[in-house]
Amino acid sequence: MSRPFSILIHMPFRRLLLPFFLQPQSVPLTDSIKGSGTIQPNQLLELKPRGSGTVERVYVKPGDKVKAGDPLLVLYNRTADLALEKARIKLSIQQDNLNKALSNLEKAEIRAPKRGTVTEILVEKGDSVSKGTAVARLRLNPGKTTVKAPFNGAQIKDVKVGDKASVLFLDSLYEAAGVVTAISEKGKLQSTGAIYYYATIEIDGEYYVEGTETLVDVTVHTAEGVQKAVETATLEAPEEIEVRAEASGTVSAVHVKENQTVSANAKLMSLDSDELKESVESAKRSLEQAKLELEERELAKNELVYTAPFDGTIVEVNVSEGEELTQSSSQGSSEPLIILADYSRMKVVISVDELDAVKVQKGMPVKVTSDAFPDKSWDGIVENVAEIGKSTNEVSVFDVTIVTGPIEELKAGMTVTAEIILQSKENTLILPAGAIREANGKTFVLLPVNEDEADGENRRQNLKEVKLGVKTGDYVEILEGLNEGDEVIVPASSSSQSSRQNSSRAFRFDMGPGGGPSGGPGGPPAGGPGRYPGR
């Protein structure tokens, strides 16, 4: 059985006990802040012209659902296409220029063109050289001796590169093994009228003696049989070449010594050339500039392709294919080409004063209601509290942004009320705020006393210290100091000081299973009117 909720009124001339009976209800105690604003989509895009061109294609229509990155429309601009192609060509040219400059810089490293032995070094470290200056002499094919043997046309048909050969030294009758390394393609006319073709045979070992003519007989062992040279041949002098600088500069290092055998492409010496280095740096700068120009032209081209920046619904399409567009000098005054809205979440911005703004935190729960749907509410949370306030009527207010899930019932722009829940508790022991008295930093309530056992002075001083919890405009939570069923005297509201001094009322707090009263402290509970048993 529910417990009674009663009001005890104390007056100087009589005592009236006016009990009220109600159905106790569980009333949560909520501390909240309310504000009004217009509901809007989470994101709203009004697509304006970013450049000039002809509408080549429109991909969407009102009501379409799109994903982020989906194309919305494309413009065509011939000038932008030409500028882009020019930028690409310029970039290619500048890349070639850099490659040439780097290649020239590599020429500052003087290398052996073939395998050979360094017979003479013609420069020293610190010498200045010009392009084409001979810097070293190189004898090629070290450790090898060559001989060119003549064959007639019938013989040469059977001789192939790679065939083995025998070379007989006529002065010593020493026979050395060799191999055919080359065959002349054209014959050489002799004084006798015969035409000879020459096969080059390479022998391991260095047999050539400078200033001496060494005669040899050459025999080639072909697949078709043995072919003997038609005449005696002589050993060829080793080929010697001059290595020349391919760039101008100062010799900064010599990497080889005379009589040293080097491989092909071996580094012989290095040149220091400021001209070549500056040429490379200049080419690099020109290439970077060309890259930036190409990027700029690509961005301009991409500006003609309009894509959805987020998932959403197409609200309006105000453009058609073939239409000529120009970028408005005043973007704010031009009509949007397309309007895209994100209804996956909704948001509302309300203003709260500076005293309440410090209580609001990101993530706090919010209840959103609308007069258009009085029986419905929607849950939301605080997404953001503005860092900077705005002055309104000499009071600073702060914008609080609240987001909800999708709300199909409401249209964008409708007015809603947002209630930010600062604190909320269920089944709390509460009292009307007017029952609380403060003194010396403590809080008290006034308890009634039995008039038969105490005089008026003691009755006025019967204070009970209490500890408060959640505070709202109408109620306060009692954490300590009172129990269910305790009687508390609540001063009656009055327009004059005399009436406040001559009248008071007692609030009997009887909580049922649910928690607290559903009516206000100034009148009967919501369960119905009170019963008066008599005076």
Protein backbone atom coordinates (compact mmCIF):
# COMPACT_ATOMS: atom_id res chain seq x y z
CA MET A 1 0.00 0.00 0.00
CA SER A 2 1.37 3.43 -0.92
CA ARG A 3 2.26 5.82 1.81
CA PRO A 4 0.51 9.19 2.26
CA PHE A 5 1.83 12.53 1.12
CA SER A 6 0.62 15.27 3.50
CA ILE A 7 1.07 18.99 4.08
CA LEU A 8 1.16 20.42 7.58
CA ILE A 9 0.40 24.15 7.72
CA HIS A 10 1.54 26.10 10.81
CA MET A 11 -0.11 29.40 11.61
CA PRO A 12 0.21 31.55 14.78
CA PHE A 13 -3.47 31.29 15.71
CA ARG A 14 -4.23 27.62 14.91
CA ARG A 15 -2.77 24.34 13.69
CA LEU A 16 -4.32 22.66 10.68
CA LEU A 17 -3.35 19.17 9.54
CA LEU A 18 -4.45 18.80 5.95
CA PRO A 19 -3.49 15.33 4.73
CA PHE A 20 -3.40 14.53 1.01
CA PHE A 21 -3.49 11.06 -0.40
CA LEU A 22 -1.85 10.25 -3.73
CA GLN A 23 -0.38 7.42 -5.76
CA PRO A 24 3.36 7.82 -5.28
CA GLN A 25 5.39 7.61 -8.50
CA SER A 26 9.04 7.09 -9.29
CA VAL A 27 10.23 10.51 -10.39
CA PRO A 28 13.85 10.82 -11.57
CA LEU A 29 15.65 13.93 -10.45
CA THR A 30 17.16 15.62 -13.46
CA ASP A 31 19.36 18.70 -13.70
CA SER A 32 19.24 19.97 -17.26
CA ILE A 33 19.61 22.96 -19.56
CA LYS A 34 17.14 23.67 -22.35
CA GLY A 35 17.48 25.67 -25.50
CA SER A 36 15.85 26.00 -28.91
CA GLY A 37 17.32 25.87 -32.38
CA THR A 38 16.67 24.62 -35.89
CA ILE A 39 17.39 21.03 -36.84
CA GLN A 40 19.82 20.67 -39.73
CA PRO A 41 21.52 17.82 -41.60
CA ASN A 42 24.86 16.77 -40.20
CA GLN A 43 26.52 18.10 -43.37
CA LEU A 44 25.14 20.28 -46.13
CA LEU A 45 26.96 21.06 -49.37
CA GLU A 46 25.86 23.78 -51.75
CA LEU A 47 27.98 23.12 -54.83
CA LYS A 48 29.00 26.37 -56.55
CA PRO A 49 30.89 26.76 -59.88
CA ARG A 50 34.66 26.50 -59.34
CA GLY A 51 35.56 27.43 -62.91
CA SER A 52 34.25 28.09 -66.39
CA GLY A 53 33.24 25.46 -68.91
CA THR A 54 30.48 23.50 -70.57
CA VAL A 55 28.52 20.95 -68.54
CA GLU A 56 29.60 17.72 -70.19
CA ARG A 57 27.67 15.32 -67.97
CA VAL A 58 25.38 15.36 -64.92
CA TYR A 59 25.48 12.08 -63.01
CA VAL A 60 22.76 12.64 -60.37
CA LYS A 61 19.18 13.73 -59.89
CA PRO A 62 17.21 14.78 -56.78
CA GLY A 63 16.72 11.94 -54.33
CA ASP A 64 19.76 9.96 -55.44
CA LYS A 65 21.97 8.45 -52.74
CA VAL A 66 25.68 8.96 -53.31
CA LYS A 67 28.89 7.84 -51.66
CA ALA A 68 31.93 10.00 -50.94
CA GLY A 69 33.97 10.29 -54.13
CA ASP A 70 31.09 9.57 -56.51
CA PRO A 71 31.04 11.94 -59.53
CA LEU A 72 28.27 14.55 -59.52
CA LEU A 73 28.98 16.46 -62.73
CA VAL A 74 31.84 17.15 -65.17
CA LEU A 75 32.70 20.33 -67.08
CA TYR A 76 34.70 20.56 -70.32
CA ASN A 77 37.16 23.40 -70.88
CA ARG A 78 39.41 23.35 -73.98
CA THR A 79 41.79 25.95 -72.56
CA ALA A 80 42.39 23.86 -69.46
CA ASP A 81 43.13 20.80 -71.62
CA LEU A 82 45.67 22.69 -73.73
CA ALA A 83 47.39 24.17 -70.70
CA LEU A 84 47.65 20.71 -69.15
CA GLU A 85 49.20 19.21 -72.30
CA LYS A 86 51.73 22.07 -72.54
CA ALA A 87 52.71 21.51 -68.91
CA ARG A 88 53.29 17.81 -69.58
CA ILE A 89 55.50 18.54 -72.59
CA LYS A 90 57.49 21.13 -70.63
CA LEU A 91 58.05 18.65 -67.84
CA SER A 92 59.36 16.07 -70.34
CA ILE A 93 61.78 18.62 -71.83
CA GLN A 94 63.08 19.67 -68.43
CA GLN A 95 63.58 16.02 -67.47
CA ASP A 96 65.67 15.51 -70.63
CA ASN A 97 67.71 18.63 -69.81
CA LEU A 98 68.44 17.31 -66.34
CA ASN A 99 69.46 13.93 -67.72
CA LYS A 100 71.88 15.64 -70.11
CA ALA A 101 73.31 17.78 -67.34
CA LEU A 102 73.82 14.71 -65.15
CA SER A 103 75.42 12.89 -68.07
CA ASN A 104 77.80 15.81 -68.60
CA LEU A 105 78.62 15.83 -64.92
CA GLU A 106 79.51 12.16 -65.16
CA LYS A 107 82.04 13.13 -67.84
CA ALA A 108 84.00 14.86 -65.12
CA GLU A 109 84.98 11.32 -64.18
CA ILE A 110 87.48 10.25 -66.87
CA ARG A 111 87.21 6.50 -67.49
CA ALA A 112 89.01 3.92 -69.60
CA PRO A 113 87.04 3.27 -72.81
CA LYS A 114 88.42 -0.30 -73.06
CA ARG A 115 90.53 -2.77 -71.14
CA GLY A 116 94.19 -1.90 -71.36
CA THR A 117 97.43 -0.90 -69.74
CA VAL A 118 98.18 2.70 -68.81
CA THR A 119 101.37 3.52 -70.66
CA GLU A 120 101.54 7.24 -69.85
CA ILE A 121 99.74 9.77 -67.62
CA LEU A 122 99.83 13.22 -69.22
CA VAL A 123 98.37 15.42 -66.41
CA GLU A 124 98.80 15.92 -62.68
CA LYS A 125 96.45 16.81 -59.84
CA GLY A 126 95.62 20.51 -59.95
CA ASP A 127 96.10 20.87 -63.71
CA SER A 128 93.38 22.68 -65.65
CA VAL A 129 92.20 20.82 -68.72
CA SER A 130 89.85 21.67 -71.54
CA LYS A 131 87.40 19.44 -73.29
CA GLY A 132 89.35 17.23 -75.76
CA THR A 133 92.68 17.44 -73.91
CA ALA A 134 94.64 14.13 -73.88
CA VAL A 135 95.13 13.07 -70.26
CA ALA A 136 96.53 9.50 -70.62
CA ARG A 137 97.65 6.85 -73.12
CA LEU A 138 96.28 3.33 -72.97
CA ARG A 139 97.57 0.17 -74.68
CA LEU A 140 94.57 -2.02 -75.39
CA ASN A 141 94.12 -5.77 -75.05
CA PRO A 142 97.01 -6.44 -72.68
CA GLY A 143 98.33 -10.03 -72.52
CA LYS A 144 97.19 -10.72 -76.08
CA THR A 145 98.89 -10.66 -79.50
CA THR A 146 96.98 -10.37 -82.76
CA VAL A 147 97.77 -11.27 -86.36
CA LYS A 148 95.75 -10.58 -89.51
CA ALA A 149 96.03 -13.45 -92.00
CA PRO A 150 94.90 -13.22 -95.67
CA PHE A 151 92.53 -15.78 -97.25
CA ASN A 152 91.03 -15.92 -100.71
CA GLY A 153 87.31 -15.81 -101.39
CA ALA A 154 86.89 -19.57 -101.55
CA GLN A 155 88.63 -20.08 -98.22
CA ILE A 156 87.02 -17.27 -96.29
CA LYS A 157 83.55 -18.77 -96.79
CA ASP A 158 84.48 -21.62 -94.46
CA VAL A 159 86.17 -19.48 -91.78
CA LYS A 160 83.99 -18.45 -88.84
CA VAL A 161 84.56 -16.32 -85.75
CA GLY A 162 85.48 -18.65 -82.92
CA ASP A 163 87.34 -21.18 -85.09
CA LYS A 164 90.61 -22.41 -83.63
CA ALA A 165 93.86 -21.45 -85.34
CA SER A 166 97.55 -22.39 -85.26
CA VAL A 167 100.20 -19.67 -85.56
CA LEU A 168 103.74 -20.81 -86.52
CA PHE A 169 106.58 -18.34 -85.75
CA LEU A 170 108.96 -18.76 -88.72
CA ASP A 171 112.05 -17.44 -86.91
CA SER A 172 111.80 -19.97 -84.11
CA LEU A 173 109.35 -22.52 -85.51
CA TYR A 174 107.31 -22.04 -82.30
CA GLU A 175 103.63 -22.78 -82.77
CA ALA A 176 101.05 -20.97 -80.68
CA ALA A 177 97.32 -21.61 -80.42
CA GLY A 178 94.87 -18.88 -81.28
CA VAL A 179 91.25 -18.16 -82.11
CA VAL A 180 89.51 -16.23 -84.85
CA THR A 181 88.05 -13.02 -83.37
CA ALA A 182 87.05 -11.09 -86.51
CA ILE A 183 86.65 -11.48 -90.29
CA SER A 184 86.68 -8.59 -92.77
CA GLU A 185 83.46 -8.26 -94.73
CA LYS A 186 85.04 -6.63 -97.78
CA GLY A 187 88.01 -7.98 -99.70
CA LYS A 188 91.21 -6.01 -100.35
CA LEU A 189 92.56 -5.84 -103.88
CA GLN A 190 96.21 -6.88 -104.16
CA SER A 191 98.78 -5.69 -106.71
CA THR A 192 98.56 -9.06 -108.38
CA GLY A 193 94.88 -8.58 -108.97
CA ALA A 194 93.85 -11.07 -106.31
CA ILE A 195 91.33 -10.14 -103.63
CA TYR A 196 92.22 -11.13 -100.06
CA TYR A 197 89.95 -11.30 -97.02
CA TYR A 198 91.59 -10.97 -93.61
CA ALA A 199 90.85 -12.99 -90.50
CA THR A 200 92.03 -11.61 -87.15
CA ILE A 201 93.53 -14.26 -84.87
CA GLU A 202 94.20 -13.59 -81.21
CA ILE A 203 97.01 -15.40 -79.35
CA ASP A 204 97.45 -15.55 -75.57
CA GLY A 205 100.69 -13.82 -74.59
CA GLU A 206 102.55 -10.73 -75.66
CA TYR A 207 104.90 -11.69 -78.56
CA TYR A 208 105.18 -8.41 -80.38
CA VAL A 209 108.60 -6.72 -80.15
CA GLU A 210 108.62 -3.05 -81.05
CA GLY A 211 110.80 -2.33 -84.11
CA THR A 212 110.91 -6.01 -85.15
CA GLU A 213 108.88 -7.66 -87.93
CA THR A 214 107.85 -11.14 -86.81
CA LEU A 215 106.63 -13.43 -89.62
CA VAL A 216 104.11 -16.19 -89.00
CA ASP A 217 102.12 -18.79 -90.93
CA VAL A 218 98.45 -19.10 -89.95
CA THR A 219 96.25 -22.17 -90.27
CA VAL A 220 92.52 -22.11 -89.36
CA HIS A 221 90.72 -25.30 -88.41
CA THR A 222 87.19 -24.86 -89.79
CA ALA A 223 84.22 -27.17 -89.76
CA GLU A 224 84.85 -27.85 -93.45
CA GLY A 225 88.55 -28.60 -92.99
CA VAL A 226 91.89 -26.85 -92.60
CA GLN A 227 92.39 -23.53 -94.36
CA LYS A 228 95.91 -22.12 -94.59
CA ALA A 229 96.51 -18.42 -95.14
CA VAL A 230 97.58 -17.66 -98.68
CA GLU A 231 100.52 -15.56 -97.53
CA THR A 232 102.80 -15.14 -94.56
CA ALA A 233 101.51 -12.60 -92.04
CA THR A 234 103.19 -10.40 -89.43
CA LEU A 235 102.32 -9.79 -85.79
CA GLU A 236 100.28 -6.63 -85.23
CA ALA A 237 101.56 -3.94 -82.93
CA PRO A 238 99.32 -3.53 -79.87
CA GLU A 239 96.65 -0.81 -80.35
CA GLU A 240 97.32 2.27 -78.26
CA ILE A 241 94.84 5.10 -77.78
CA GLU A 242 94.80 8.48 -76.10
CA VAL A 243 92.19 9.06 -73.42
CA ARG A 244 90.80 12.59 -73.71
CA ALA A 245 88.78 14.73 -71.32
CA GLU A 246 85.13 15.10 -72.32
CA ALA A 247 84.65 18.18 -70.13
CA SER A 248 86.63 21.14 -68.89
CA GLY A 249 87.76 21.41 -65.30
CA THR A 250 90.56 21.01 -62.80
CA VAL A 251 92.11 17.60 -62.13
CA SER A 252 91.07 16.82 -58.57
CA ALA A 253 92.37 13.24 -58.39
CA VAL A 254 94.42 10.72 -60.42
CA HIS A 255 93.29 7.17 -59.63
CA VAL A 256 95.85 5.05 -61.61
CA LYS A 257 99.59 4.68 -62.16
CA GLU A 258 101.63 4.04 -65.30
CA ASN A 259 101.91 0.38 -66.41
CA GLN A 260 98.76 -0.41 -64.43
CA THR A 261 96.25 -2.67 -66.19
CA VAL A 262 92.69 -1.39 -65.96
CA SER A 263 89.34 -2.79 -66.99
CA ALA A 264 86.88 -1.12 -69.31
CA ASN A 265 85.11 1.85 -67.66
CA ALA A 266 87.66 1.99 -64.86
CA LYS A 267 88.03 5.46 -63.32
CA LEU A 268 91.31 7.04 -64.38
CA MET A 269 90.97 10.55 -62.92
CA SER A 270 88.39 13.09 -61.69
CA LEU A 271 87.74 16.68 -62.69
CA ASP A 272 86.19 19.41 -60.57
CA SER A 273 83.86 21.53 -62.72
CA ASP A 274 81.75 24.33 -61.22
CA GLU A 275 80.14 24.86 -64.60
CA LEU A 276 78.84 21.30 -64.76
CA LYS A 277 77.59 21.38 -61.16
CA GLU A 278 75.72 24.65 -61.74
CA SER A 279 74.24 23.22 -64.91
CA VAL A 280 72.86 20.29 -62.94
CA GLU A 281 71.44 22.52 -60.19
CA SER A 282 69.83 24.81 -62.76
CA ALA A 283 68.28 21.83 -64.54
CA LYS A 284 66.92 20.51 -61.23
CA ARG A 285 65.30 23.87 -60.44
CA SER A 286 63.74 24.05 -63.88
CA LEU A 287 62.42 20.52 -63.49
CA GLU A 288 60.84 21.31 -60.10
CA GLN A 289 59.18 24.39 -61.56
CA ALA A 290 57.81 22.30 -64.42
CA LYS A 291 56.43 19.77 -61.92
CA LEU A 292 54.65 22.54 -60.01
CA GLU A 293 53.19 23.94 -63.21
CA LEU A 294 51.93 20.49 -64.17
CA GLU A 295 50.42 20.01 -60.71
CA GLU A 296 48.72 23.38 -61.00
CA ARG A 297 47.25 22.47 -64.38
CA GLU A 298 46.12 19.08 -63.11
CA LEU A 299 44.38 20.75 -60.17
CA ALA A 300 42.65 23.13 -62.56
CA LYS A 301 41.54 20.15 -64.65
CA ASN A 302 40.35 18.29 -61.56
CA GLU A 303 38.35 21.34 -60.53
CA LEU A 304 36.13 20.62 -63.52
CA VAL A 305 35.20 17.24 -62.03
CA TYR A 306 32.77 17.63 -59.12
CA THR A 307 32.59 14.71 -56.68
CA ALA A 308 30.65 14.09 -53.47
CA PRO A 309 32.81 14.92 -50.42
CA PHE A 310 30.64 12.73 -48.15
CA ASP A 311 27.86 10.14 -48.25
CA GLY A 312 24.47 11.76 -48.62
CA THR A 313 21.27 12.46 -50.54
CA ILE A 314 20.94 14.78 -53.53
CA VAL A 315 18.47 17.51 -52.53
CA GLU A 316 18.57 19.76 -55.63
CA VAL A 317 20.08 19.73 -59.13
CA ASN A 318 20.02 23.15 -60.80
CA VAL A 319 22.17 22.47 -63.88
CA SER A 320 21.76 20.54 -67.14
CA GLU A 321 24.13 19.02 -69.70
CA GLY A 322 25.33 21.43 -72.38
CA GLU A 323 24.90 24.46 -70.15
CA GLU A 324 27.70 27.05 -70.15
CA LEU A 325 28.99 27.93 -66.68
CA THR A 326 31.22 30.74 -65.51
CA GLN A 327 32.80 31.09 -62.12
CA SER A 328 30.86 33.79 -60.28
CA SER A 329 32.84 36.73 -58.97
CA SER A 330 30.56 36.54 -55.92
CA GLN A 331 30.21 32.91 -54.97
CA GLY A 332 27.67 33.71 -52.29
CA SER A 333 25.20 35.17 -54.80
CA SER A 334 25.30 32.36 -57.38
CA GLU A 335 22.74 29.57 -57.29
CA PRO A 336 24.12 26.22 -56.16
CA LEU A 337 24.59 23.73 -58.97
CA ILE A 338 23.80 20.82 -56.66
CA ILE A 339 22.75 20.59 -53.01
CA LEU A 340 23.88 17.49 -51.13
CA ALA A 341 22.77 16.68 -47.56
CA ASP A 342 23.94 14.08 -45.07
CA TYR A 343 20.89 12.88 -43.15
CA SER A 344 22.72 10.00 -41.43
CA ARG A 345 22.94 12.34 -38.44
CA MET A 346 21.15 15.55 -37.58
CA LYS A 347 22.42 18.48 -35.58
CA VAL A 348 21.08 21.49 -33.76
CA VAL A 349 22.92 24.45 -32.26
CA ILE A 350 21.57 26.11 -29.14
CA SER A 351 22.91 29.03 -27.13
CA VAL A 352 23.50 28.77 -23.37
CA ASP A 353 24.62 31.51 -21.03
CA GLU A 354 28.09 31.59 -19.53
CA LEU A 355 26.94 30.21 -16.16
CA ASP A 356 25.52 27.09 -17.77
CA ALA A 357 28.17 26.75 -20.49
CA VAL A 358 30.83 25.74 -17.95
CA LYS A 359 28.65 22.80 -16.90
CA VAL A 360 28.21 21.40 -20.39
CA GLN A 361 30.69 18.75 -21.49
CA LYS A 362 31.21 16.96 -24.78
CA GLY A 363 29.34 13.63 -24.84
CA MET A 364 26.55 14.62 -22.43
CA PRO A 365 23.16 13.09 -23.30
CA VAL A 366 20.48 15.29 -24.85
CA LYS A 367 16.75 14.87 -25.37
CA VAL A 368 15.38 16.58 -28.49
CA THR A 369 11.68 17.38 -28.83
CA SER A 370 9.49 19.19 -31.34
CA ASP A 371 6.12 20.91 -31.02
CA ALA A 372 5.19 19.27 -34.31
CA PHE A 373 5.44 15.84 -32.63
CA PRO A 374 4.56 16.42 -28.95
CA ASP A 375 4.52 12.71 -28.12
CA LYS A 376 7.98 11.96 -29.49
CA SER A 377 11.54 12.64 -28.46
CA TRP A 378 14.92 11.76 -29.92
CA ASP A 379 18.22 11.05 -28.23
CA GLY A 380 21.36 13.03 -28.97
CA ILE A 381 24.71 13.98 -27.46
CA VAL A 382 26.73 17.16 -27.09
CA GLU A 383 29.31 17.23 -29.89
CA ASN A 384 30.96 20.57 -29.22
CA VAL A 385 30.91 23.58 -26.93
CA ALA A 386 32.17 26.81 -28.50
CA GLU A 387 35.45 28.09 -27.10
CA ILE A 388 34.48 31.73 -27.73
CA GLY A 389 31.20 33.24 -26.62
CA LYS A 390 29.00 35.89 -28.23
CA SER A 391 27.62 38.90 -26.43
CA THR A 392 23.80 39.09 -26.36
CA ASN A 393 22.08 41.79 -24.31
CA GLU A 394 25.29 42.26 -22.28
CA VAL A 395 25.36 38.54 -21.49
CA SER A 396 27.87 36.11 -22.99
CA VAL A 397 26.30 33.06 -24.60
CA PHE A 398 28.05 30.02 -26.05
CA ASP A 399 26.94 27.85 -28.94
CA VAL A 400 26.50 24.18 -28.09
CA THR A 401 26.33 21.76 -31.02
CA ILE A 402 24.19 18.67 -30.52
CA VAL A 403 24.03 15.69 -32.86
CA THR A 404 21.41 12.94 -33.14
CA GLY A 405 20.82 9.92 -35.28
CA PRO A 406 18.67 10.17 -38.42
CA ILE A 407 15.23 11.71 -37.75
CA GLU A 408 12.83 10.92 -40.55
CA GLU A 409 9.90 12.81 -39.01
CA LEU A 410 11.58 16.22 -38.95
CA LYS A 411 12.51 18.36 -41.91
CA ALA A 412 15.62 20.49 -42.03
CA GLY A 413 14.94 23.96 -40.65
CA MET A 414 12.22 22.93 -38.17
CA THR A 415 12.47 24.36 -34.65
CA VAL A 416 13.25 21.90 -31.87
CA THR A 417 13.98 22.04 -28.16
CA ALA A 418 17.15 20.40 -26.89
CA GLU A 419 17.44 19.45 -23.23
CA ILE A 420 21.01 18.78 -22.13
CA ILE A 421 21.05 16.35 -19.21
CA LEU A 422 23.68 17.57 -16.77
CA GLN A 423 22.78 15.03 -14.08
CA SER A 424 20.05 12.46 -13.68
CA LYS A 425 19.26 10.07 -10.86
CA GLU A 426 16.51 7.51 -10.26
CA ASN A 427 14.67 6.90 -6.94
CA THR A 428 16.23 9.84 -5.16
CA LEU A 429 15.14 11.42 -1.89
CA ILE A 430 14.19 14.97 -2.82
CA LEU A 431 12.79 18.15 -1.27
CA PRO A 432 11.52 21.41 -2.70
CA ALA A 433 14.39 23.86 -3.05
CA GLY A 434 12.52 26.33 -0.81
CA ALA A 435 12.87 23.96 2.16
CA ILE A 436 16.64 24.41 2.29
CA ARG A 437 18.25 26.98 4.55
CA GLU A 438 21.93 27.99 4.57
CA ALA A 439 24.07 29.26 7.40
CA ASN A 440 27.85 29.37 7.93
CA GLY A 441 28.47 27.38 4.77
CA LYS A 442 26.15 24.56 5.84
CA THR A 443 22.66 23.56 4.71
CA PHE A 444 19.69 22.87 7.01
CA VAL A 445 15.98 22.08 7.01
CA LEU A 446 13.42 23.08 9.63
CA LEU A 447 11.65 20.18 11.33
CA PRO A 448 8.29 20.59 13.09
CA VAL A 449 8.04 19.84 16.87
CA ASN A 450 5.17 18.70 19.06
CA GLU A 451 3.56 21.91 20.43
CA ASP A 452 2.49 20.08 23.58
CA GLU A 453 6.12 19.27 24.43
CA ALA A 454 8.03 22.39 23.28
CA ASP A 455 7.48 26.12 23.40
CA GLY A 456 7.39 28.35 20.36
CA GLU A 457 11.02 29.40 20.67
CA ASN A 458 12.30 25.81 20.54
CA ARG A 459 10.01 25.05 17.65
CA ARG A 460 11.53 27.87 15.61
CA GLN A 461 15.06 26.63 16.31
CA ASN A 462 14.53 22.95 15.41
CA LEU A 463 17.07 22.85 12.54
CA LYS A 464 18.47 19.70 11.01
CA GLU A 465 21.70 19.73 9.00
CA VAL A 466 21.46 17.91 5.66
CA LYS A 467 23.87 17.06 2.85
CA LEU A 468 22.69 17.94 -0.64
CA GLY A 469 23.25 16.21 -3.96
CA VAL A 470 21.80 17.13 -7.34
CA LYS A 471 20.15 20.57 -7.46
CA THR A 472 17.52 21.66 -9.94
CA GLY A 473 15.37 24.76 -10.15
CA ASP A 474 12.55 23.11 -8.18
CA TYR A 475 14.09 20.28 -6.20
CA VAL A 476 17.24 19.25 -4.39
CA GLU A 477 18.51 15.77 -3.62
CA ILE A 478 18.99 14.88 0.04
CA LEU A 479 21.99 12.61 0.50
CA GLU A 480 22.21 12.64 4.29
CA GLY A 481 20.17 13.97 7.25
CA LEU A 482 16.61 12.86 6.39
CA ASN A 483 14.69 9.64 5.93
CA GLU A 484 11.49 8.82 4.14
CA GLY A 485 8.47 9.97 6.15
CA ASP A 486 10.22 12.84 7.95
CA GLU A 487 8.27 16.08 8.20
CA VAL A 488 9.89 19.25 6.96
CA ILE A 489 8.54 22.79 7.28
CA VAL A 490 8.57 24.66 3.98
CA PRO A 491 8.22 28.48 4.19
CA ALA A 492 5.25 29.62 2.16
CA SER A 493 5.87 32.06 -0.69
CA SER A 494 4.48 35.54 -0.06
CA SER A 495 4.61 38.91 -1.73
CA SER A 496 5.25 40.74 1.56
CA GLN A 497 7.72 40.31 4.38
CA SER A 498 4.94 40.31 6.98
CA SER A 499 3.13 37.40 5.44
CA ARG A 500 6.42 35.42 5.30
CA GLN A 501 6.85 36.07 9.02
CA ASN A 502 3.30 35.10 9.97
CA SER A 503 2.76 31.97 7.95
CA SER A 504 4.56 28.73 7.16
CA ARG A 505 3.72 25.28 5.85
CA ALA A 506 5.02 21.80 6.55
CA PHE A 507 5.99 19.42 3.76
CA ARG A 508 5.58 15.78 4.66
CA PHE A 509 7.79 13.71 2.42
CA ASP A 510 6.49 10.15 2.05
CA MET A 511 8.16 8.34 -0.84
CA GLY A 512 6.53 5.35 -2.33
CA PRO A 513 8.27 2.52 -4.13
CA GLY A 514 9.04 4.74 -7.13
CA GLY A 515 10.93 7.56 -5.41
CA GLY A 516 9.38 11.01 -5.00
CA PRO A 517 6.30 13.15 -5.56
CA SER A 518 5.24 14.08 -9.04
CA GLY A 519 3.56 17.35 -8.02
CA GLY A 520 5.21 20.67 -7.18
CA PRO A 521 5.95 21.88 -3.65
CA GLY A 522 3.35 24.62 -3.81
CA GLY A 523 0.24 22.54 -4.41
CA PRO A 524 -1.26 19.06 -4.36
CA PRO A 525 0.54 16.15 -6.03
CA ALA A 526 -0.34 15.05 -9.53
CA GLY A 527 -2.29 12.12 -8.20
CA GLY A 528 -5.34 14.30 -7.56
CA PRO A 529 -6.76 16.92 -5.18
CA GLY A 530 -6.36 16.61 -1.42
CA ARG A 531 -8.94 15.51 1.18
CA TYR A 532 -9.67 17.69 4.17
CA PRO A 533 -10.94 15.60 7.14
CA GLY A 534 -11.81 18.67 9.17
CA ARG A 535 -10.36 21.29 11.46
